[in-house]
C-alpha atoms as a PDB file:
ATOM      1  CA  MET A   1      53.767   0.936 108.961  1.00  0.00           C
ATOM      2  CA  LYS A   2      55.668   4.154 109.592  1.00  0.00           C
ATOM      3  CA  ASP A   3      59.334   4.323 108.603  1.00  0.00           C
ATOM      4  CA  ARG A   4      61.327   4.812 111.828  1.00  0.00           C
ATOM      5  CA  THR A   5      64.763   4.874 110.161  1.00  0.00           C
ATOM      6  CA  ASN A   6      66.945   7.620 111.678  1.00  0.00           C
ATOM      7  CA  ASP A   7      64.238   8.566 114.174  1.00  0.00           C
ATOM      8  CA  HIS A   8      65.826  10.779 116.879  1.00  0.00           C
ATOM      9  CA  ALA A   9      62.775  10.908 119.155  1.00  0.00           C
ATOM     10  CA  HIS A  10      64.633   9.065 121.941  1.00  0.00           C
ATOM     11  CA  ASP A  11      67.628  11.427 121.674  1.00  0.00           C
ATOM     12  CA  LEU A  12      65.247  14.388 121.811  1.00  0.00           C
ATOM     13  CA  ARG A  13      63.705  13.063 125.016  1.00  0.00           C
ATOM     14  CA  ILE A  14      67.171  12.684 126.571  1.00  0.00           C
ATOM     15  CA  ALA A  15      68.092  16.261 125.565  1.00  0.00           C
ATOM     16  CA  ILE A  16      64.891  17.580 127.161  1.00  0.00           C
ATOM     17  CA  GLU A  17      65.623  15.657 130.368  1.00  0.00           C
ATOM     18  CA  LYS A  18      69.190  17.017 130.469  1.00  0.00           C
ATOM     19  CA  SER A  19      67.848  20.574 130.337  1.00  0.00           C
ATOM     20  CA  GLY A  20      66.352  19.872 133.780  1.00  0.00           C
ATOM     21  CA  TYR A  21      63.251  21.933 133.063  1.00  0.00           C
ATOM     22  CA  TYR A  22      60.052  19.967 133.806  1.00  0.00           C
ATOM     23  CA  PRO A  23      60.998  17.270 131.249  1.00  0.00           C
ATOM     24  CA  ASP A  24      57.635  15.481 131.421  1.00  0.00           C
ATOM     25  CA  VAL A  25      55.681  18.687 130.775  1.00  0.00           C
ATOM     26  CA  VAL A  26      57.932  19.746 127.889  1.00  0.00           C
ATOM     27  CA  SER A  27      58.032  16.241 126.359  1.00  0.00           C
ATOM     28  CA  GLN A  28      54.248  15.928 126.430  1.00  0.00           C
ATOM     29  CA  ALA A  29      53.824  19.236 124.608  1.00  0.00           C
ATOM     30  CA  VAL A  30      56.411  18.276 121.979  1.00  0.00           C
ATOM     31  CA  SER A  31      55.104  14.724 121.531  1.00  0.00           C
ATOM     32  CA  SER A  32      51.532  15.885 120.983  1.00  0.00           C
ATOM     33  CA  ALA A  33      52.727  18.224 118.212  1.00  0.00           C
ATOM     34  CA  VAL A  34      55.069  15.684 116.561  1.00  0.00           C
ATOM     35  CA  ALA A  35      52.337  12.996 116.683  1.00  0.00           C
ATOM     36  CA  ASP A  36      53.405   9.878 114.784  1.00  0.00           C
ATOM     37  CA  GLU A  37      56.056  11.509 112.595  1.00  0.00           C
ATOM     38  CA  ARG A  38      59.721  10.680 113.067  1.00  0.00           C
ATOM     39  CA  VAL A  39      62.174  13.252 114.414  1.00  0.00           C
ATOM     40  CA  VAL A  40      64.778  14.102 111.782  1.00  0.00           C
ATOM     41  CA  SER A  41      66.592  16.744 113.850  1.00  0.00           C
ATOM     42  CA  TYR A  42      65.984  18.913 116.911  1.00  0.00           C
ATOM     43  CA  LEU A  43      67.247  21.772 119.096  1.00  0.00           C
ATOM     44  CA  VAL A  44      66.545  22.285 122.810  1.00  0.00           C
ATOM     45  CA  HIS A  45      67.222  25.770 124.211  1.00  0.00           C
ATOM     46  CA  HIS A  46      66.785  26.374 127.955  1.00  0.00           C
ATOM     47  CA  GLU A  47      67.022  29.937 129.287  1.00  0.00           C
ATOM     48  CA  PRO A  48      66.488  31.139 132.883  1.00  0.00           C
ATOM     49  CA  THR A  49      65.314  34.660 133.720  1.00  0.00           C
ATOM     50  CA  ILE A  50      64.888  36.733 136.899  1.00  0.00           C
ATOM     51  CA  ASP A  51      61.300  37.733 137.698  1.00  0.00           C
ATOM     52  CA  GLU A  52      59.980  40.721 139.638  1.00  0.00           C
ATOM     53  CA  ARG A  53      60.257  38.741 142.893  1.00  0.00           C
ATOM     54  CA  ASP A  54      64.000  38.292 142.324  1.00  0.00           C
ATOM     55  CA  GLU A  55      63.416  34.578 141.737  1.00  0.00           C
ATOM     56  CA  VAL A  56      64.726  32.471 138.877  1.00  0.00           C
ATOM     57  CA  ARG A  57      62.058  31.568 136.323  1.00  0.00           C
ATOM     58  CA  ARG A  58      62.891  29.356 133.385  1.00  0.00           C
ATOM     59  CA  HIS A  59      61.588  28.759 129.903  1.00  0.00           C
ATOM     60  CA  VAL A  60      62.579  26.350 127.173  1.00  0.00           C
ATOM     61  CA  THR A  61      62.177  26.349 123.402  1.00  0.00           C
ATOM     62  CA  VAL A  62      62.289  23.130 121.391  1.00  0.00           C
ATOM     63  CA  LEU A  63      62.613  23.056 117.598  1.00  0.00           C
ATOM     64  CA  VAL A  64      61.806  19.762 115.895  1.00  0.00           C
ATOM     65  CA  LEU A  65      62.265  18.915 112.228  1.00  0.00           C
ATOM     66  CA  THR A  66      60.081  16.113 110.846  1.00  0.00           C
ATOM     67  CA  PRO A  67      59.909  14.896 107.237  1.00  0.00           C
ATOM     68  CA  SER A  68      57.056  17.322 106.537  1.00  0.00           C
ATOM     69  CA  ARG A  69      57.042  20.023 109.241  1.00  0.00           C
ATOM     70  CA  LEU A  70      59.066  22.379 111.403  1.00  0.00           C
ATOM     71  CA  ILE A  71      57.625  22.368 114.927  1.00  0.00           C
ATOM     72  CA  LEU A  72      58.256  25.106 117.481  1.00  0.00           C
ATOM     73  CA  ALA A  73      57.337  24.308 121.096  1.00  0.00           C
ATOM     74  CA  HIS A  74      57.765  26.785 123.931  1.00  0.00           C
ATOM     75  CA  THR A  75      57.109  26.242 127.650  1.00  0.00           C
ATOM     76  CA  ASP A  76      57.166  29.072 130.218  1.00  0.00           C
ATOM     77  CA  GLU A  77      57.270  28.926 134.012  1.00  0.00           C
ATOM     78  CA  HIS A  78      55.084  31.454 135.833  1.00  0.00           C
ATOM     79  CA  ALA A  79      55.129  32.713 139.399  1.00  0.00           C
ATOM     80  CA  PRO A  80      52.043  32.200 141.603  1.00  0.00           C
ATOM     81  CA  ASP A  81      49.301  34.728 140.979  1.00  0.00           C
ATOM     82  CA  ASP A  82      45.735  35.523 142.018  1.00  0.00           C
ATOM     83  CA  MET A  83      44.338  32.612 140.004  1.00  0.00           C
ATOM     84  CA  LEU A  84      46.907  29.920 140.814  1.00  0.00           C
ATOM     85  CA  PRO A  85      48.623  29.905 144.239  1.00  0.00           C
ATOM     86  CA  ALA A  86      51.538  27.713 143.103  1.00  0.00           C
ATOM     87  CA  PRO A  87      54.062  28.146 140.257  1.00  0.00           C
ATOM     88  CA  TYR A  88      52.694  26.857 136.950  1.00  0.00           C
ATOM     89  CA  THR A  89      53.715  26.324 133.334  1.00  0.00           C
ATOM     90  CA  SER A  90      52.160  27.193 129.987  1.00  0.00           C
ATOM     91  CA  SER A  91      53.083  25.504 126.701  1.00  0.00           C
ATOM     92  CA  SER A  92      52.421  26.525 123.107  1.00  0.00           C
ATOM     93  CA  THR A  93      53.304  24.758 119.868  1.00  0.00           C
ATOM     94  CA  GLU A  94      53.319  25.811 116.239  1.00  0.00           C
ATOM     95  CA  ALA A  95      53.738  23.535 113.220  1.00  0.00           C
ATOM     96  CA  VAL A  96      54.876  24.935 109.869  1.00  0.00           C
ATOM     97  CA  THR A  97      54.854  22.763 106.756  1.00  0.00           C
ATOM     98  CA  LEU A  98      58.264  22.672 105.089  1.00  0.00           C
ATOM     99  CA  SER A  99      56.724  23.640 101.764  1.00  0.00           C
ATOM    100  CA  ALA A 100      55.653  26.931 103.373  1.00  0.00           C
ATOM    101  CA  VAL A 101      59.200  27.842 104.435  1.00  0.00           C
ATOM    102  CA  ARG A 102      60.639  30.283 101.897  1.00  0.00           C
ATOM    103  CA  SER A 103      63.577  31.762 103.814  1.00  0.00           C
ATOM    104  CA  VAL A 104      65.467  31.610 107.099  1.00  0.00           C
ATOM    105  CA  VAL A 105      66.577  34.780 108.881  1.00  0.00           C
ATOM    106  CA  VAL A 106      69.339  34.675 111.518  1.00  0.00           C
ATOM    107  CA  ASN A 107      69.947  37.745 113.703  1.00  0.00           C
ATOM    108  CA  ARG A 108      73.199  38.079 115.642  1.00  0.00           C
ATOM    109  CA  MET A 109      73.689  40.822 118.235  1.00  0.00           C
ATOM    110  CA  VAL A 110      77.121  41.835 119.533  1.00  0.00           C
ATOM    111  CA  ALA A 111      77.107  44.488 122.267  1.00  0.00           C
ATOM    112  CA  ASP A 112      80.049  46.894 122.148  1.00  0.00           C
ATOM    113  CA  PRO A 113      81.801  45.071 119.255  1.00  0.00           C
ATOM    114  CA  ALA A 114      85.000  47.088 119.756  1.00  0.00           C
ATOM    115  CA  SER A 115      85.605  45.207 123.013  1.00  0.00           C
ATOM    116  CA  ALA A 116      83.884  41.937 122.247  1.00  0.00           C
ATOM    117  CA  GLY A 117      86.331  39.866 124.278  1.00  0.00           C
ATOM    118  CA  GLU A 118      88.014  36.548 123.495  1.00  0.00           C
ATOM    119  CA  VAL A 119      86.370  33.930 121.333  1.00  0.00           C
ATOM    120  CA  PHE A 120      86.142  30.293 122.464  1.00  0.00           C
ATOM    121  CA  GLY A 121      84.277  27.878 120.232  1.00  0.00           C
ATOM    122  CA  GLY A 122      82.401  30.700 118.568  1.00  0.00           C
ATOM    123  CA  LEU A 123      81.379  32.292 121.895  1.00  0.00           C
ATOM    124  CA  TYR A 124      82.525  35.647 123.227  1.00  0.00           C
ATOM    125  CA  VAL A 125      83.873  35.368 126.786  1.00  0.00           C
ATOM    126  CA  HIS A 126      83.902  38.463 129.009  1.00  0.00           C
ATOM    127  CA  ASN A 127      85.085  39.250 132.501  1.00  0.00           C
ATOM    128  CA  VAL A 128      81.920  39.720 134.561  1.00  0.00           C
ATOM    129  CA  ASP A 129      83.503  42.664 136.378  1.00  0.00           C
ATOM    130  CA  THR A 130      84.027  44.541 133.121  1.00  0.00           C
ATOM    131  CA  PRO A 131      81.234  47.025 132.275  1.00  0.00           C
ATOM    132  CA  LEU A 132      79.326  45.644 129.320  1.00  0.00           C
ATOM    133  CA  SER A 133      76.187  46.897 127.605  1.00  0.00           C
ATOM    134  CA  LEU A 134      73.733  44.081 126.869  1.00  0.00           C
ATOM    135  CA  PRO A 135      70.250  44.097 125.320  1.00  0.00           C
ATOM    136  CA  PHE A 136      67.001  43.656 127.233  1.00  0.00           C
ATOM    137  CA  ASP A 137      67.512  42.581 130.884  1.00  0.00           C
ATOM    138  CA  HIS A 138      70.519  40.337 130.203  1.00  0.00           C
ATOM    139  CA  ARG A 139      72.901  42.524 132.201  1.00  0.00           C
ATOM    140  CA  LEU A 140      70.574  42.331 135.209  1.00  0.00           C
ATOM    141  CA  ILE A 141      70.400  38.546 134.846  1.00  0.00           C
ATOM    142  CA  ILE A 142      74.198  38.250 134.804  1.00  0.00           C
ATOM    143  CA  ASP A 143      74.704  40.652 137.725  1.00  0.00           C
ATOM    144  CA  THR A 144      72.085  38.827 139.812  1.00  0.00           C
ATOM    145  CA  ALA A 145      73.569  35.418 139.014  1.00  0.00           C
ATOM    146  CA  VAL A 146      77.118  36.535 139.833  1.00  0.00           C
ATOM    147  CA  ALA A 147      76.056  38.197 143.101  1.00  0.00           C
ATOM    148  CA  ARG A 148      74.119  35.081 144.138  1.00  0.00           C
ATOM    149  CA  LEU A 149      77.038  32.824 143.230  1.00  0.00           C
ATOM    150  CA  ARG A 150      79.573  34.911 145.139  1.00  0.00           C
ATOM    151  CA  SER A 151      77.291  35.139 148.163  1.00  0.00           C
ATOM    152  CA  LYS A 152      76.633  31.406 148.192  1.00  0.00           C
ATOM    153  CA  SER A 153      80.301  30.511 147.747  1.00  0.00           C
ATOM    154  CA  GLN A 154      81.023  32.256 151.062  1.00  0.00           C
ATOM    155  CA  TYR A 155      79.075  29.666 153.040  1.00  0.00           C
ATOM    156  CA  SER A 156      79.098  26.689 150.645  1.00  0.00           C
ATOM    157  CA  SER A 157      82.320  24.894 149.724  1.00  0.00           C
ATOM    158  CA  LEU A 158      80.770  22.796 146.945  1.00  0.00           C
ATOM    159  CA  PRO A 159      82.012  25.029 144.091  1.00  0.00           C
ATOM    160  CA  CYS A 160      85.542  25.027 145.541  1.00  0.00           C
ATOM    161  CA  TYR A 161      85.876  21.241 145.795  1.00  0.00           C
ATOM    162  CA  LEU A 162      83.598  19.847 143.083  1.00  0.00           C
ATOM    163  CA  ALA A 163      83.407  22.390 140.268  1.00  0.00           C
ATOM    164  CA  GLY A 164      87.101  22.968 139.523  1.00  0.00           C
ATOM    165  CA  GLU A 165      88.925  26.262 139.049  1.00  0.00           C
ATOM    166  CA  THR A 166      86.712  27.371 136.152  1.00  0.00           C
ATOM    167  CA  PHE A 167      83.127  26.372 135.475  1.00  0.00           C
ATOM    168  CA  THR A 168      79.979  27.521 133.747  1.00  0.00           C
ATOM    169  CA  LEU A 169      76.686  28.163 135.531  1.00  0.00           C
ATOM    170  CA  PRO A 170      75.081  25.021 134.002  1.00  0.00           C
ATOM    171  CA  GLN A 171      78.057  22.982 135.291  1.00  0.00           C
ATOM    172  CA  LEU A 172      77.626  24.509 138.741  1.00  0.00           C
ATOM    173  CA  GLN A 173      73.910  23.725 138.639  1.00  0.00           C
ATOM    174  CA  ARG A 174      74.701  20.062 137.935  1.00  0.00           C
ATOM    175  CA  VAL A 175      77.119  20.001 140.889  1.00  0.00           C
ATOM    176  CA  TYR A 176      74.428  21.260 143.261  1.00  0.00           C
ATOM    177  CA  GLU A 177      71.852  18.875 141.815  1.00  0.00           C
ATOM    178  CA  ALA A 178      74.245  15.943 142.337  1.00  0.00           C
ATOM    179  CA  ALA A 179      74.813  17.036 145.948  1.00  0.00           C
ATOM    180  CA  SER A 180      71.155  17.698 146.718  1.00  0.00           C
ATOM    181  CA  PRO A 181      69.336  15.049 148.790  1.00  0.00           C
ATOM    182  CA  ILE A 182      66.188  15.517 146.710  1.00  0.00           C
ATOM    183  CA  THR A 183      68.028  13.891 143.798  1.00  0.00           C
ATOM    184  CA  TYR A 184      68.190  10.600 145.683  1.00  0.00           C
ATOM    185  CA  VAL A 185      64.645  10.376 147.057  1.00  0.00           C
ATOM    186  CA  SER A 186      63.215   6.857 146.949  1.00  0.00           C
ATOM    187  CA  ARG A 187      61.170   4.497 149.075  1.00  0.00           C
ATOM    188  CA  ARG A 188      64.399   2.929 150.365  1.00  0.00           C
ATOM    189  CA  VAL A 189      65.541   6.151 152.074  1.00  0.00           C
ATOM    190  CA  PRO A 190      65.703   5.630 155.875  1.00  0.00           C
ATOM    191  CA  PRO A 191      63.303   7.565 158.147  1.00  0.00           C
ATOM    192  CA  THR A 192      64.126  11.271 157.852  1.00  0.00           C
ATOM    193  CA  LEU A 193      63.628  14.129 160.311  1.00  0.00           C
ATOM    194  CA  LEU A 194      63.679  17.605 158.744  1.00  0.00           C
ATOM    195  CA  VAL A 195      63.914  20.620 161.066  1.00  0.00           C
ATOM    196  CA  TYR A 196      63.839  24.077 159.474  1.00  0.00           C
ATOM    197  CA  GLY A 197      63.711  27.686 160.585  1.00  0.00           C
ATOM    198  CA  GLY A 198      60.943  29.640 158.898  1.00  0.00           C
ATOM    199  CA  ARG A 199      63.202  32.716 158.632  1.00  0.00           C
ATOM    200  CA  ASP A 200      66.284  30.826 157.423  1.00  0.00           C
ATOM    201  CA  HIS A 201      67.913  32.965 154.698  1.00  0.00           C
ATOM    202  CA  VAL A 202      70.625  30.411 153.879  1.00  0.00           C
ATOM    203  CA  VAL A 203      68.576  27.233 153.377  1.00  0.00           C
ATOM    204  CA  GLU A 204      65.004  28.382 152.934  1.00  0.00           C
ATOM    205  CA  ALA A 205      62.247  26.363 154.567  1.00  0.00           C
ATOM    206  CA  ARG A 206      60.504  25.847 151.229  1.00  0.00           C
ATOM    207  CA  PHE A 207      63.307  23.485 150.217  1.00  0.00           C
ATOM    208  CA  GLY A 208      62.646  21.373 153.304  1.00  0.00           C
ATOM    209  CA  ARG A 209      58.933  21.290 152.570  1.00  0.00           C
ATOM    210  CA  GLU A 210      59.624  20.220 149.003  1.00  0.00           C
ATOM    211  CA  LEU A 211      61.952  17.426 150.161  1.00  0.00           C
ATOM    212  CA  HIS A 212      59.376  16.269 152.721  1.00  0.00           C
ATOM    213  CA  GLU A 213      56.650  16.137 150.070  1.00  0.00           C
ATOM    214  CA  LYS A 214      58.909  14.183 147.695  1.00  0.00           C
ATOM    215  CA  LEU A 215      59.791  11.664 150.406  1.00  0.00           C
ATOM    216  CA  MET A 216      56.146  11.163 151.335  1.00  0.00           C
ATOM    217  CA  ALA A 217      55.139  10.767 147.689  1.00  0.00           C
ATOM    218  CA  ALA A 218      57.858   8.120 147.243  1.00  0.00           C
ATOM    219  CA  GLY A 219      56.490   6.126 150.200  1.00  0.00           C
ATOM    220  CA  ALA A 220      59.374   6.953 152.561  1.00  0.00           C
ATOM    221  CA  THR A 221      58.992   8.007 156.204  1.00  0.00           C
ATOM    222  CA  SER A 222      59.501  11.723 156.730  1.00  0.00           C
ATOM    223  CA  VAL A 223      58.791  14.032 159.676  1.00  0.00           C
ATOM    224  CA  TYR A 224      58.866  17.792 159.021  1.00  0.00           C
ATOM    225  CA  LEU A 225      59.165  20.407 161.772  1.00  0.00           C
ATOM    226  CA  GLU A 226      59.311  24.143 161.008  1.00  0.00           C
ATOM    227  CA  LEU A 227      59.845  26.913 163.563  1.00  0.00           C
ATOM    228  CA  PRO A 228      58.372  30.099 162.011  1.00  0.00           C
ATOM    229  CA  TRP A 229      60.588  32.460 164.031  1.00  0.00           C
ATOM    230  CA  ALA A 230      63.918  30.607 163.723  1.00  0.00           C
ATOM    231  CA  GLU A 231      66.936  31.548 161.612  1.00  0.00           C
ATOM    232  CA  HIS A 232      69.728  29.398 160.178  1.00  0.00           C
ATOM    233  CA  ALA A 233      71.695  27.216 162.640  1.00  0.00           C
ATOM    234  CA  PHE A 234      69.333  28.121 165.486  1.00  0.00           C
ATOM    235  CA  ASP A 235      70.251  24.885 167.289  1.00  0.00           C
ATOM    236  CA  LYS A 236      73.797  26.139 167.922  1.00  0.00           C
ATOM    237  CA  VAL A 237      72.546  28.798 170.317  1.00  0.00           C
ATOM    238  CA  PRO A 238      70.822  27.712 173.567  1.00  0.00           C
ATOM    239  CA  GLY A 239      67.320  29.123 173.672  1.00  0.00           C
ATOM    240  CA  VAL A 240      63.654  28.561 172.974  1.00  0.00           C
ATOM    241  CA  SER A 241      64.174  27.059 169.495  1.00  0.00           C
ATOM    242  CA  ALA A 242      66.626  24.426 170.700  1.00  0.00           C
ATOM    243  CA  TRP A 243      64.405  23.695 173.690  1.00  0.00           C
ATOM    244  CA  VAL A 244      61.330  23.203 171.471  1.00  0.00           C
ATOM    245  CA  THR A 245      63.018  20.891 168.975  1.00  0.00           C
ATOM    246  CA  ARG A 246      64.848  18.632 171.438  1.00  0.00           C
ATOM    247  CA  PRO A 247      61.791  16.497 172.451  1.00  0.00           C
ATOM    248  CA  TYR A 248      60.942  15.917 168.787  1.00  0.00           C
ATOM    249  CA  ILE A 249      64.472  14.763 168.044  1.00  0.00           C
ATOM    250  CA  GLU A 250      64.501  12.460 171.069  1.00  0.00           C
ATOM    251  CA  ARG A 251      61.153  10.885 170.166  1.00  0.00           C
ATOM    252  CA  PHE A 252      62.210  10.448 166.536  1.00  0.00           C
ATOM    253  CA  LEU A 253      65.451   8.696 167.501  1.00  0.00           C
ATOM    254  CA  ALA A 254      63.698   6.523 170.068  1.00  0.00           C
ATOM    255  CA  LYS A 255      61.175   5.383 167.471  1.00  0.00           C
ATOM    256  CA  TYR A 256      63.395   4.741 164.465  1.00  0.00           C
ATOM    257  CA  LEU A 257      66.912   4.139 165.825  1.00  0.00           C
ATOM    258  CA  ARG A 258      67.122   0.459 166.620  1.00  0.00           C
END
């Protein structure tokens, strides 16, 4: 019988789930590499990037220490391509026996060390409006994230009321996830009518389609209507879009509102 004393496999699974990055996919890759060994220690590192379509793509690296091996597992998210029409993931794992480890090298990069900024808990904190030279595409990632955040805060009050005066991007992500209806999908959700404009630049129609698919998969009743030509808040302006959607709304209410 295997010794399961101080086995942190359950804690590792929780850490992977908290990263929010396809936890089942990542856990399966890690579990297959760990096999029946116990988890002595672990590290989960989740990092988002901006792809050529100006969309956020994420990848996660998991390090696991077992009594005999150091396991490195990495999962990437890829945009749709000619072979696969939907986003997909790829996972790779590597196991190194501890007896083969002869040294550990740690590299630390500090851009413009003369103006490294304040230190909080070992981290350098910079004003995002201050010019800063960063390696690779990290400056582009920060600029894109800040621009998106500032743009969204102009029409969404969630950061103002739920995130506090100061917050990190992961904290803001958790706020939006807690406020998102997709978080609460279940079979007990009442019948739902989703009406989206195909050209909506504020709440893209793909989010409505995703919610509709989740509701249907959970066994809930969901009706999805998308107007390819419509923009955000099209129902506030009298016109063709409002005229087209009104009968659907009336029939939906007549059927499910008792």
